[in-house]
Amino acid sequence: MVKIRLVRLGAKKKPFYRVVVADSRTAATGSVIEQIGTYDTLKNPPEIKVDVEAAKKWLANGAQPTETVKALLKKAGVYEK
């Protein structure tokens, strides 16, 4: 199954996340199919950048977002379920 999930990057105590599309069987930092956005928690307010067209395409093709990504996509105006 294809998942839309976060991949953590950044230094210790300075997290930065990428919103990626990946196979659910790969490791959390393993290979990804496509990077569709970023999430920076250190900015005030947290900054969410998502390629809306790519996210809608993957959701239409059956990709399942994780709970955290689902909340981020709702804030970005992509996910409405």
Protein backbone atom coordinates (compact mmCIF):
# COMPACT_ATOMS: atom_id res chain seq x y z
CA MET A 1 0.00 0.00 0.00
CA VAL A 2 1.19 3.51 -0.76
CA LYS A 3 1.27 5.94 2.18
CA ILE A 4 1.69 9.69 2.44
CA ARG A 5 3.85 10.24 5.50
CA LEU A 6 6.45 12.46 7.15
CA VAL A 7 10.21 11.89 7.03
CA ARG A 8 12.18 13.60 9.79
CA LEU A 9 15.30 15.52 8.86
CA GLY A 10 17.36 18.15 10.62
CA ALA A 11 19.77 18.17 13.51
CA LYS A 12 19.20 17.09 17.07
CA LYS A 13 16.38 19.17 18.62
CA LYS A 14 15.87 21.00 15.31
CA PRO A 15 13.34 18.89 13.43
CA PHE A 16 12.36 19.48 9.83
CA TYR A 17 9.97 17.21 7.99
CA ARG A 18 9.29 16.28 4.37
CA VAL A 19 5.85 15.11 3.25
CA VAL A 20 6.56 12.12 1.01
CA VAL A 21 4.75 9.36 -0.84
CA ALA A 22 6.29 5.97 -0.06
CA ASP A 23 5.52 2.28 0.01
CA SER A 24 4.30 1.33 3.49
CA ARG A 25 6.79 -1.55 3.63
CA THR A 26 9.89 0.66 3.33
CA ALA A 27 11.80 2.04 6.32
CA ALA A 28 10.86 5.42 7.73
CA THR A 29 13.94 7.00 6.16
CA GLY A 30 14.06 4.62 3.21
CA SER A 31 13.37 5.21 -0.44
CA VAL A 32 10.42 7.40 -1.42
CA ILE A 33 8.32 7.57 -4.55
CA GLU A 34 7.86 11.35 -4.54
CA GLN A 35 8.38 14.32 -2.23
CA ILE A 36 5.25 16.48 -2.22
CA GLY A 37 5.93 19.03 0.51
CA THR A 38 7.67 20.21 3.67
CA TYR A 39 6.67 20.93 7.26
CA ASP A 40 8.79 23.21 9.44
CA THR A 41 7.78 23.11 13.10
CA LEU A 42 10.42 25.58 14.27
CA LYS A 43 8.80 28.60 12.61
CA ASN A 44 6.07 30.46 14.42
CA PRO A 45 3.42 29.55 13.24
CA PRO A 46 4.59 26.20 11.81
CA GLU A 47 5.10 26.39 8.05
CA ILE A 48 3.35 23.87 5.79
CA LYS A 49 4.18 23.77 2.08
CA VAL A 50 2.40 21.11 0.02
CA ASP A 51 2.14 20.62 -3.74
CA VAL A 52 -1.67 20.55 -3.84
CA GLU A 53 -1.93 19.01 -7.31
CA ALA A 54 0.46 16.16 -6.47
CA ALA A 55 -1.28 15.48 -3.16
CA LYS A 56 -4.72 15.33 -4.83
CA LYS A 57 -3.34 13.05 -7.55
CA TRP A 58 -1.93 10.58 -5.01
CA LEU A 59 -5.09 10.64 -2.89
CA ALA A 60 -7.17 9.96 -6.01
CA ASN A 61 -4.90 7.03 -6.86
CA GLY A 62 -5.51 5.45 -3.44
CA ALA A 63 -2.60 6.64 -1.30
CA GLN A 64 -3.47 6.64 2.41
CA PRO A 65 -2.21 9.56 4.55
CA THR A 66 -1.10 8.98 8.13
CA GLU A 67 -3.09 10.72 10.87
CA THR A 68 -0.53 13.52 11.20
CA VAL A 69 -0.33 14.10 7.46
CA LYS A 70 -4.11 14.02 7.22
CA ALA A 71 -4.29 16.91 9.71
CA LEU A 72 -1.60 18.83 7.81
CA LEU A 73 -3.39 18.30 4.48
CA LYS A 74 -6.64 19.58 6.01
CA LYS A 75 -4.84 22.75 7.12
CA ALA A 76 -3.39 23.14 3.63
CA GLY A 77 -6.85 22.70 2.10
CA VAL A 78 -6.14 19.43 0.27
CA TYR A 79 -7.91 16.76 2.32
CA GLU A 80 -11.61 17.21 3.07
CA LYS A 81 -12.85 13.84 4.33
